[in-house]
N, C-alpha and C. Protein backbone atom coordinates (compact mmCIF):
# COMPACT_ATOMS: atom_id res chain seq x y z
N ALA A 1 -18.77 15.03 -16.83
CA ALA A 1 -17.74 15.55 -18.19
C ALA A 1 -15.87 14.74 -17.82
N ASP A 2 -15.39 15.53 -18.99
CA ASP A 2 -13.94 14.83 -18.92
C ASP A 2 -13.54 16.04 -19.49
N GLY A 3 -11.80 16.06 -18.38
CA GLY A 3 -11.37 17.12 -18.27
C GLY A 3 -9.85 16.67 -18.36
N LYS A 4 -8.43 17.85 -18.18
CA LYS A 4 -7.64 17.27 -17.49
C LYS A 4 -6.84 18.40 -16.74
N PHE A 5 -5.49 16.97 -16.01
CA PHE A 5 -4.95 17.77 -15.05
C PHE A 5 -3.47 17.53 -15.32
N ASN A 6 -2.30 18.98 -15.39
CA ASN A 6 -1.07 18.65 -15.24
C ASN A 6 -0.89 17.49 -17.52
N GLY A 7 -1.35 17.76 -18.07
CA GLY A 7 -1.93 16.91 -19.23
C GLY A 7 -1.84 15.24 -19.20
N LYS A 8 -2.88 14.98 -17.85
CA LYS A 8 -3.59 13.84 -17.91
C LYS A 8 -5.25 13.90 -17.91
N ASP A 9 -5.66 13.13 -18.52
CA ASP A 9 -7.69 12.76 -18.57
C ASP A 9 -7.27 12.67 -17.00
N CYS A 10 -8.74 13.31 -17.07
CA CYS A 10 -9.60 13.31 -15.57
C CYS A 10 -11.15 13.38 -16.23
N TYR A 11 -11.53 12.80 -15.11
CA TYR A 11 -13.49 12.82 -14.61
C TYR A 11 -13.65 14.18 -13.88
N MET A 12 -14.35 15.16 -14.19
CA MET A 12 -14.66 16.22 -13.27
C MET A 12 -15.84 15.39 -13.28
N ILE A 13 -15.80 15.81 -11.43
CA ILE A 13 -17.32 15.25 -10.54
C ILE A 13 -17.80 16.39 -10.14
N GLU A 14 -19.01 16.86 -9.93
CA GLU A 14 -19.56 18.31 -9.33
C GLU A 14 -20.87 17.64 -7.97
N ALA A 15 -20.19 18.10 -7.11
CA ALA A 15 -20.59 16.95 -5.99
C ALA A 15 -22.08 18.94 -5.35
N MET A 16 -23.39 18.71 -5.12
CA MET A 16 -23.87 19.98 -4.84
C MET A 16 -24.77 19.05 -3.64
N PRO A 17 -25.36 19.73 -1.82
CA PRO A 17 -25.73 19.89 -1.27
C PRO A 17 -27.42 18.48 -1.85
N ILE A 18 -28.12 18.51 -1.10
CA ILE A 18 -29.17 17.87 -1.19
C ILE A 18 -30.04 18.24 -0.74
N ASN A 19 -29.68 18.98 0.29
CA ASN A 19 -30.62 20.25 0.84
C ASN A 19 -30.09 21.55 1.66
N ASN A 20 -30.94 22.50 1.66
CA ASN A 20 -30.38 23.62 2.30
C ASN A 20 -29.31 23.53 3.91
N THR A 21 -30.49 22.56 4.46
CA THR A 21 -29.56 22.66 6.17
C THR A 21 -28.01 22.33 5.46
N VAL A 22 -27.68 20.48 4.54
CA VAL A 22 -26.85 20.03 4.14
C VAL A 22 -25.70 21.36 3.88
N LYS A 23 -26.60 22.09 3.22
CA LYS A 23 -25.16 23.08 2.88
C LYS A 23 -24.48 23.85 4.42
N SER A 24 -26.42 24.17 4.44
CA SER A 24 -25.70 25.30 6.00
C SER A 24 -24.10 24.13 6.85
N ASP A 25 -24.61 22.94 6.62
CA ASP A 25 -23.73 22.12 8.26
C ASP A 25 -22.97 21.71 7.28
N PHE A 26 -22.42 22.11 6.32
CA PHE A 26 -21.07 21.84 5.73
C PHE A 26 -20.85 23.32 5.34
N GLY A 27 -20.95 24.15 4.74
CA GLY A 27 -20.66 25.65 4.39
C GLY A 27 -20.39 26.32 2.83
N TYR A 28 -20.43 24.50 2.04
CA TYR A 28 -20.64 24.79 0.66
C TYR A 28 -21.43 24.41 -0.27
N SER A 29 -21.94 25.21 -1.51
CA SER A 29 -22.93 25.38 -2.02
C SER A 29 -22.04 24.08 -3.36
N LYS A 30 -21.40 23.87 -3.20
CA LYS A 30 -20.96 22.98 -4.42
C LYS A 30 -19.03 22.51 -4.98
N ARG A 31 -19.29 21.20 -4.91
CA ARG A 31 -17.74 20.98 -4.66
C ARG A 31 -17.07 20.23 -6.29
N ARG A 32 -15.95 20.77 -6.58
CA ARG A 32 -16.17 19.74 -8.49
C ARG A 32 -14.90 19.53 -8.35
N MET A 33 -14.46 17.90 -8.03
CA MET A 33 -13.58 17.16 -8.38
C MET A 33 -13.30 16.95 -9.76
N CYS A 34 -11.96 16.89 -9.72
CA CYS A 34 -10.70 16.08 -11.08
C CYS A 34 -9.79 15.06 -10.51
N ILE A 35 -10.98 14.07 -10.85
CA ILE A 35 -10.15 12.50 -10.50
C ILE A 35 -9.49 11.42 -11.92
N LEU A 36 -8.28 11.34 -11.70
CA LEU A 36 -7.28 11.15 -12.60
C LEU A 36 -8.13 9.75 -13.25
N LYS A 37 -8.12 9.20 -14.71
CA LYS A 37 -8.59 8.30 -14.69
C LYS A 37 -7.85 6.85 -15.39
N ASP A 38 -6.70 7.63 -14.74
CA ASP A 38 -5.50 6.43 -14.59
C ASP A 38 -5.68 5.38 -13.26
N ASN A 39 -5.51 6.10 -12.14
CA ASN A 39 -5.53 6.05 -10.79
C ASN A 39 -6.35 5.60 -10.59
N PHE A 40 -7.14 6.85 -10.81
CA PHE A 40 -9.07 6.77 -10.48
C PHE A 40 -8.40 7.76 -8.85
N VAL A 41 -6.96 8.83 -8.53
CA VAL A 41 -6.75 9.98 -7.77
C VAL A 41 -6.62 11.27 -7.28
N THR A 42 -7.86 11.71 -6.53
CA THR A 42 -8.40 12.89 -6.85
C THR A 42 -7.25 13.79 -6.72
N ALA A 43 -6.93 14.51 -8.06
CA ALA A 43 -6.51 15.40 -8.54
C ALA A 43 -6.58 17.22 -8.31
N THR A 44 -7.62 17.63 -8.08
CA THR A 44 -8.19 19.01 -7.72
C THR A 44 -8.97 18.71 -7.02
N ILE A 45 -10.00 19.64 -6.45
CA ILE A 45 -11.09 20.23 -5.56
C ILE A 45 -11.30 21.31 -5.20
N ASP A 46 -12.19 21.97 -5.77
CA ASP A 46 -12.66 23.18 -6.17
C ASP A 46 -13.86 23.58 -5.50
N ILE A 47 -14.32 24.10 -4.39
CA ILE A 47 -15.22 24.39 -3.85
C ILE A 47 -15.56 26.14 -3.24
N TRP A 48 -17.30 25.29 -3.77
CA TRP A 48 -17.96 26.93 -3.82
C TRP A 48 -18.96 27.61 -1.97
N ASP A 49 -18.74 28.40 -2.24
CA ASP A 49 -19.48 28.99 0.08
C ASP A 49 -20.90 28.64 -0.91
N THR A 50 -21.52 29.29 0.80
CA THR A 50 -23.06 28.67 0.36
C THR A 50 -24.11 29.98 -0.72
N ALA A 51 -22.87 30.92 -0.71
CA ALA A 51 -23.30 32.01 -1.37
C ALA A 51 -23.22 31.42 -3.28
N GLY A 52 -22.20 30.59 -3.06
CA GLY A 52 -22.22 30.59 -4.61
C GLY A 52 -20.91 30.89 -5.43
N LYS A 53 -20.03 31.64 -4.00
CA LYS A 53 -19.06 32.18 -4.60
C LYS A 53 -17.57 31.45 -4.51
N PRO A 54 -16.68 31.23 -5.51
CA PRO A 54 -14.95 30.34 -5.45
C PRO A 54 -15.24 30.54 -4.15
N LEU A 55 -14.59 29.94 -3.33
CA LEU A 55 -14.39 30.16 -1.75
C LEU A 55 -12.57 29.16 -1.59
N LYS A 56 -12.31 27.52 -2.73
CA LYS A 56 -10.97 26.84 -2.31
C LYS A 56 -10.98 26.34 -3.63
N HIS A 57 -9.42 26.39 -4.07
CA HIS A 57 -8.77 25.85 -4.41
C HIS A 57 -8.00 24.08 -3.74
N ILE A 58 -8.01 23.09 -4.19
CA ILE A 58 -7.35 22.07 -3.42
C ILE A 58 -6.65 21.77 -4.67
N GLU A 59 -5.19 21.33 -4.75
CA GLU A 59 -3.99 20.77 -5.78
C GLU A 59 -3.24 19.45 -4.70
N PHE A 60 -3.31 18.16 -5.66
CA PHE A 60 -2.93 17.42 -4.95
C PHE A 60 -1.78 17.21 -6.44
N THR A 61 -0.68 17.26 -5.85
CA THR A 61 1.17 16.48 -6.76
C THR A 61 1.51 15.32 -6.22
N ASP A 62 3.24 15.25 -6.97
CA ASP A 62 3.99 14.33 -6.71
C ASP A 62 2.58 12.82 -6.27
N ILE A 63 1.60 12.17 -7.18
CA ILE A 63 1.35 11.26 -6.87
C ILE A 63 2.25 10.55 -7.42
N ARG A 64 1.87 9.54 -5.81
CA ARG A 64 2.99 7.70 -6.59
C ARG A 64 2.51 7.03 -6.20
N SER A 65 2.98 5.53 -6.32
CA SER A 65 2.39 4.61 -6.44
C SER A 65 3.20 3.95 -5.48
N TYR A 66 2.77 3.02 -4.07
CA TYR A 66 2.86 2.60 -2.86
C TYR A 66 2.74 0.98 -3.39
N GLY A 67 3.57 0.15 -2.47
CA GLY A 67 2.73 -1.19 -2.94
C GLY A 67 3.00 -1.96 -3.19
N LYS A 68 3.36 -3.31 -3.03
CA LYS A 68 3.28 -4.00 -4.53
C LYS A 68 2.50 -4.90 -4.37
N VAL A 69 1.57 -5.91 -3.61
CA VAL A 69 0.53 -6.46 -4.02
C VAL A 69 -0.51 -5.84 -4.17
N LYS A 70 -0.50 -4.70 -3.29
CA LYS A 70 -2.30 -3.66 -3.42
C LYS A 70 -1.67 -2.54 -4.12
N PRO A 71 -1.21 -1.71 -5.24
CA PRO A 71 -0.86 -0.79 -5.62
C PRO A 71 -1.35 0.47 -5.03
N ARG A 72 -1.26 1.14 -4.42
CA ARG A 72 -1.83 2.37 -3.99
C ARG A 72 -1.36 3.64 -4.25
N TRP A 73 -2.27 4.65 -4.32
CA TRP A 73 -2.12 6.39 -5.09
C TRP A 73 -1.32 6.95 -3.64
N GLN A 74 -0.44 7.63 -3.40
CA GLN A 74 -0.80 9.10 -2.53
C GLN A 74 -0.55 9.87 -2.83
N ALA A 75 -0.55 11.23 -2.83
CA ALA A 75 -0.14 12.55 -3.13
C ALA A 75 0.87 13.23 -2.13
N MET A 76 2.15 13.43 -2.44
CA MET A 76 3.00 13.58 -1.71
C MET A 76 3.04 15.21 -1.23
N LYS A 77 2.88 15.87 -2.16
CA LYS A 77 2.16 17.29 -2.21
C LYS A 77 0.82 18.15 -2.27
N SER A 78 0.25 18.42 -1.25
CA SER A 78 -1.10 18.92 -1.99
C SER A 78 -1.03 21.19 -1.18
N MET A 79 -1.85 21.75 -1.58
CA MET A 79 -1.53 23.33 -2.11
C MET A 79 -3.29 23.34 -1.44
N ALA A 80 -3.71 23.88 -1.28
CA ALA A 80 -5.18 24.35 -0.31
C ALA A 80 -5.09 26.35 -0.28
N LYS A 81 -5.67 26.89 -1.10
CA LYS A 81 -5.78 28.47 -1.17
C LYS A 81 -7.32 28.46 -1.68
N ASN A 82 -7.14 29.12 -0.26
CA ASN A 82 -8.70 30.39 -0.31
C ASN A 82 -8.57 30.83 -0.92
N LEU A 83 -9.55 31.31 -1.75
CA LEU A 83 -9.63 31.95 -2.40
C LEU A 83 -10.22 33.75 -2.48
N GLN A 84 -11.35 33.35 -1.01
CA GLN A 84 -11.63 34.70 -0.68
C GLN A 84 -10.69 35.22 0.39
N THR A 85 -10.16 34.77 0.10
CA THR A 85 -8.57 35.68 1.72
C THR A 85 -6.82 35.53 1.37
N GLN A 86 -6.95 34.65 0.10
CA GLN A 86 -5.61 34.72 -0.69
C GLN A 86 -4.61 33.39 0.56
N HIS A 87 -5.11 33.22 1.26
CA HIS A 87 -4.66 31.89 2.60
C HIS A 87 -4.04 30.58 1.58
N MET A 88 -2.70 30.21 1.75
CA MET A 88 -2.58 28.93 2.03
C MET A 88 -1.88 28.09 2.72
N THR A 89 -2.48 26.64 2.44
CA THR A 89 -2.07 25.60 3.14
C THR A 89 -1.41 24.56 2.34
N GLN A 90 -0.04 24.69 2.85
CA GLN A 90 1.06 23.56 2.14
C GLN A 90 0.93 22.21 3.27
N VAL A 91 0.92 20.91 2.89
CA VAL A 91 0.76 19.44 2.93
C VAL A 91 2.12 19.21 2.11
N ILE A 92 3.17 18.57 2.18
CA ILE A 92 3.56 17.94 1.94
C ILE A 92 4.42 16.76 2.28
N VAL A 93 4.54 15.72 1.93
CA VAL A 93 5.09 14.42 2.30
C VAL A 93 5.44 13.68 2.69
N ASN A 94 7.03 13.38 3.28
CA ASN A 94 8.18 12.75 3.41
C ASN A 94 8.40 11.49 3.23
N ASP A 95 7.34 10.95 3.63
CA ASP A 95 7.37 10.07 3.63
C ASP A 95 6.40 9.09 3.38
N PHE A 96 5.66 7.85 3.43
CA PHE A 96 4.66 7.36 3.58
C PHE A 96 5.19 5.89 3.13
N ALA A 97 4.79 4.66 3.63
CA ALA A 97 4.77 3.29 3.99
C ALA A 97 3.51 2.65 3.37
N ALA A 98 3.29 1.67 2.41
CA ALA A 98 1.97 1.18 2.11
C ALA A 98 1.83 -0.87 2.94
N GLU A 99 1.23 -1.39 2.84
CA GLU A 99 0.99 -2.04 3.70
C GLU A 99 2.06 -2.88 4.52
N LYS A 100 2.30 -2.18 5.68
CA LYS A 100 2.44 -2.31 7.00
C LYS A 100 1.76 -2.98 7.89
N THR A 101 2.67 -3.70 8.70
CA THR A 101 0.83 -4.59 9.71
C THR A 101 1.30 -4.25 10.63
N LEU A 102 0.12 -3.45 11.50
CA LEU A 102 0.43 -2.47 12.54
C LEU A 102 0.10 -4.03 13.68
N SER A 103 0.32 -3.76 14.95
CA SER A 103 -0.57 -3.50 15.53
C SER A 103 -2.05 -3.34 16.41
N ASP A 104 -2.54 -4.10 16.87
CA ASP A 104 -3.93 -3.90 17.08
C ASP A 104 -3.68 -3.02 18.43
N LYS A 105 -2.68 -2.78 19.15
CA LYS A 105 -2.77 -2.15 20.66
C LYS A 105 -2.50 -0.56 20.28
N LEU A 106 -1.83 -0.82 18.88
CA LEU A 106 -1.82 0.78 18.45
C LEU A 106 -3.63 1.11 18.60
N PHE A 107 -4.35 0.60 18.56
CA PHE A 107 -5.79 1.50 18.50
C PHE A 107 -7.12 1.22 19.12
N SER A 108 -5.79 0.24 20.85
CA SER A 108 -6.77 0.65 21.97
C SER A 108 -6.95 1.95 22.34
N PRO A 109 -8.37 2.24 22.40
CA PRO A 109 -8.30 2.93 23.52
C PRO A 109 -7.49 4.35 24.33
N GLN A 110 -6.57 3.61 24.78
CA GLN A 110 -5.52 4.08 26.07
C GLN A 110 -4.59 4.33 25.15
N SER A 111 -4.65 4.01 23.80
CA SER A 111 -3.31 4.59 22.64
C SER A 111 -3.93 5.72 22.43
N LEU A 112 -5.05 5.86 22.16
CA LEU A 112 -5.65 6.52 21.30
C LEU A 112 -6.00 7.96 22.18
N GLU A 113 -5.84 8.08 23.05
CA GLU A 113 -5.87 8.67 23.51
C GLU A 113 -5.14 9.99 24.01
N LYS A 114 -3.67 9.08 23.99
CA LYS A 114 -2.28 9.99 24.26
C LYS A 114 -2.26 11.34 22.82
């Protein structure tokens, strides 16, 4: 199905666990995602608890393109709201870089354990 987010066209995709074991393991009975058609970035995610009641709404905004060789898209702001407790978490990315060359040493077991 198709939808809209902030005036932009998006694909609406629903995902449901294949069985009750998976539902129990993940704690969700359904997820609905709005994927923007122009850049394939996830704009929203709605999540239902195992009883089928709305649980969370997550919104990704301030989506910017990074990288010259192979453009990548990054949401600079995200807001997650628990619809049952009203708790909200906001993440703001102040700086983002694409196409950076990273040393393999950064991914050694010693570095990752720091």
